[in-house]
C-alpha cells in the first residue's frame, strides 16, 4: 500500500525575461518550492538549489513580499501574467478621427486630439517600415 504523494507548496515570482535588454512584458512565472515553514519564516529554494527565507507573518498578511537578496517580489498565490495593452490600428485611429470631426457632431478639441494620435501612429509606422 503506497502513501499519497506529499503536496508541494511554492512561492511564486513574476519574472520578466527581457528586464535588461529589451521591451518589458516577456513574463514567466517561476515557482520556488517551499522546503520548511516555522512560525516566523518560510524557507524556499531558488537558483540551483540555493535556500532563502521570508517573513511568514508578513507574506501571509500581504500575500506578497519583496525578497531583498534575490531582488524579486514573491507571491503566495500564483500571480496573473499582465497583458500588454493592444495598440490601435491606423484604420481604427482614422475612424476615431473621422467620428470626432465637428461636421459629424464632435468638438474641435476632440478632433485635434484624435488627429494628433493618428499622425503620431502613422509617423511611428513609417519609421518602423524604413
Protein backbone atom coordinates (compact mmCIF):
# COMPACT_ATOMS: atom_id res chain seq x y z
CA UNK A 1 0.00 0.00 0.00
CA UNK A 2 1.58 3.30 -1.08
CA UNK A 3 1.10 6.59 0.71
CA UNK A 4 -0.38 9.58 -1.07
CA UNK A 5 2.32 11.89 -2.50
CA UNK A 6 3.07 14.90 -0.34
CA UNK A 7 1.69 18.18 -1.67
CA UNK A 8 4.47 20.62 -2.60
CA UNK A 9 3.84 24.31 -1.94
CA UNK A 10 5.53 27.16 -3.79
CA UNK A 11 6.38 30.82 -3.60
CA UNK A 12 5.82 32.40 -6.99
CA UNK A 13 7.81 35.05 -8.80
CA UNK A 14 6.61 37.04 -11.80
CA UNK A 15 9.79 37.29 -13.86
CA UNK A 16 10.33 39.38 -17.00
CA UNK A 17 12.82 37.63 -19.27
CA UNK A 18 13.71 40.89 -21.03
CA UNK A 19 14.20 43.10 -18.00
CA UNK A 20 17.72 44.11 -19.01
CA UNK A 21 17.88 44.20 -22.79
CA UNK A 22 14.56 44.71 -24.44
CA UNK A 23 10.94 45.67 -24.14
CA UNK A 24 9.27 44.63 -20.92
CA UNK A 25 6.45 42.17 -20.99
CA UNK A 26 8.02 38.78 -21.73
CA UNK A 27 6.74 37.40 -18.43
CA UNK A 28 7.21 33.96 -16.95
CA UNK A 29 6.09 32.61 -13.59
CA UNK A 30 8.84 30.92 -11.60
CA UNK A 31 7.77 28.52 -8.83
CA UNK A 32 10.18 28.25 -5.91
CA UNK A 33 9.46 25.15 -3.76
CA UNK A 34 8.82 25.75 -0.07
CA UNK A 35 11.08 23.47 1.94
CA UNK A 36 10.14 24.39 5.51
CA UNK A 37 7.72 26.54 7.48
CA UNK A 38 8.30 27.81 11.00
CA UNK A 39 6.12 30.22 12.95
CA UNK A 40 8.34 33.15 11.83
CA UNK A 41 9.81 32.10 8.47
CA UNK A 42 9.08 30.30 5.23
CA UNK A 43 12.16 28.69 3.68
CA UNK A 44 12.30 28.07 -0.09
CA UNK A 45 14.80 27.04 -2.75
CA UNK A 46 15.78 29.10 -5.78
CA UNK A 47 18.56 29.27 -8.37
CA UNK A 48 20.24 25.87 -8.47
CA UNK A 49 19.19 24.74 -5.01
CA UNK A 50 20.08 27.84 -3.00
CA UNK A 51 17.96 28.36 0.08
CA UNK A 52 16.28 31.60 1.12
CA UNK A 53 13.61 32.62 3.58
CA UNK A 54 10.93 35.27 4.00
CA UNK A 55 8.97 36.61 6.95
CA UNK A 56 5.99 34.26 7.24
CA UNK A 57 3.68 36.67 9.07
CA UNK A 58 4.26 39.47 6.55
CA UNK A 59 3.77 37.33 3.41
CA UNK A 60 0.66 35.67 4.86
CA UNK A 61 -0.79 39.08 5.76
CA UNK A 62 0.04 40.81 2.44
CA UNK A 63 0.08 37.88 0.00
CA UNK A 64 3.45 39.02 -1.32
CA UNK A 65 6.85 40.12 -0.05
CA UNK A 66 10.00 41.64 -1.52
CA UNK A 67 12.97 39.30 -1.08
CA UNK A 68 15.99 41.59 -0.88
CA UNK A 69 18.71 39.03 -1.61
CA UNK A 70 17.19 37.87 -4.89
CA UNK A 71 15.66 41.33 -5.53
CA UNK A 72 12.28 39.90 -6.51
CA UNK A 73 8.69 40.07 -5.35
CA UNK A 74 7.47 36.68 -4.14
CA UNK A 75 3.77 35.77 -4.02
CA UNK A 76 1.91 33.13 -2.01
CA UNK A 77 -0.62 32.58 -4.82
CA UNK A 78 0.25 32.18 -8.47
CA UNK A 79 0.11 35.71 -9.97
CA UNK A 80 -1.64 36.62 -13.21
CA UNK A 81 0.62 37.42 -16.16
CA UNK A 82 -0.04 41.05 -17.14
CA UNK A 83 -1.34 41.55 -20.65
CA UNK A 84 0.24 44.15 -22.89
CA UNK A 85 -2.18 46.83 -23.97
CA UNK A 86 -3.02 46.49 -27.65
CA UNK A 87 -2.11 49.40 -29.90
CA UNK A 88 -4.97 50.64 -32.04
CA UNK A 89 -4.52 50.15 -35.77
CA UNK A 90 -4.16 53.06 -38.18
CA UNK A 91 -7.60 52.26 -39.58
CA UNK A 92 -9.16 52.43 -36.09
CA UNK A 93 -7.41 55.73 -35.36
CA UNK A 94 -8.57 57.14 -38.69
CA UNK A 95 -12.17 56.10 -37.95
CA UNK A 96 -11.90 57.68 -34.48
CA UNK A 97 -10.61 60.87 -36.06
CA UNK A 98 -13.48 60.93 -38.55
CA UNK A 99 -16.06 60.32 -35.80
CA UNK A 100 -14.60 63.21 -33.74
CA UNK A 101 -14.86 65.69 -36.66
CA UNK A 102 -17.06 68.73 -35.88
CA UNK A 103 -19.12 68.11 -39.05
CA UNK A 104 -20.10 64.73 -37.54
CA UNK A 105 -21.04 66.06 -34.12
CA UNK A 106 -17.61 66.08 -32.48
CA UNK A 107 -15.81 69.01 -30.94
CA UNK A 108 -12.76 70.86 -32.23
CA UNK A 109 -10.69 69.67 -29.22
CA UNK A 110 -11.68 66.02 -29.68
CA UNK A 111 -10.88 66.15 -33.40
CA UNK A 112 -7.49 67.80 -32.83
CA UNK A 113 -6.55 65.20 -30.18
CA UNK A 114 -7.68 62.31 -32.42
CA UNK A 115 -5.76 63.72 -35.39
CA UNK A 116 -2.59 64.05 -33.29
CA UNK A 117 -2.89 60.40 -32.16
CA UNK A 118 -3.36 59.32 -35.77
CA UNK A 119 -0.38 61.37 -37.00
CA UNK A 120 1.92 60.02 -34.25
CA UNK A 121 0.91 56.42 -35.04
CA UNK A 122 1.37 56.99 -38.77
CA UNK A 123 4.83 58.52 -38.29
CA UNK A 124 5.80 55.65 -36.00
CA UNK A 125 4.60 53.07 -38.55
CA UNK A 126 6.50 54.80 -41.37
CA UNK A 127 9.65 54.96 -39.24
CA UNK A 128 9.42 51.25 -38.43
CA UNK A 129 8.97 50.37 -42.13
CA UNK A 130 12.27 52.03 -43.09
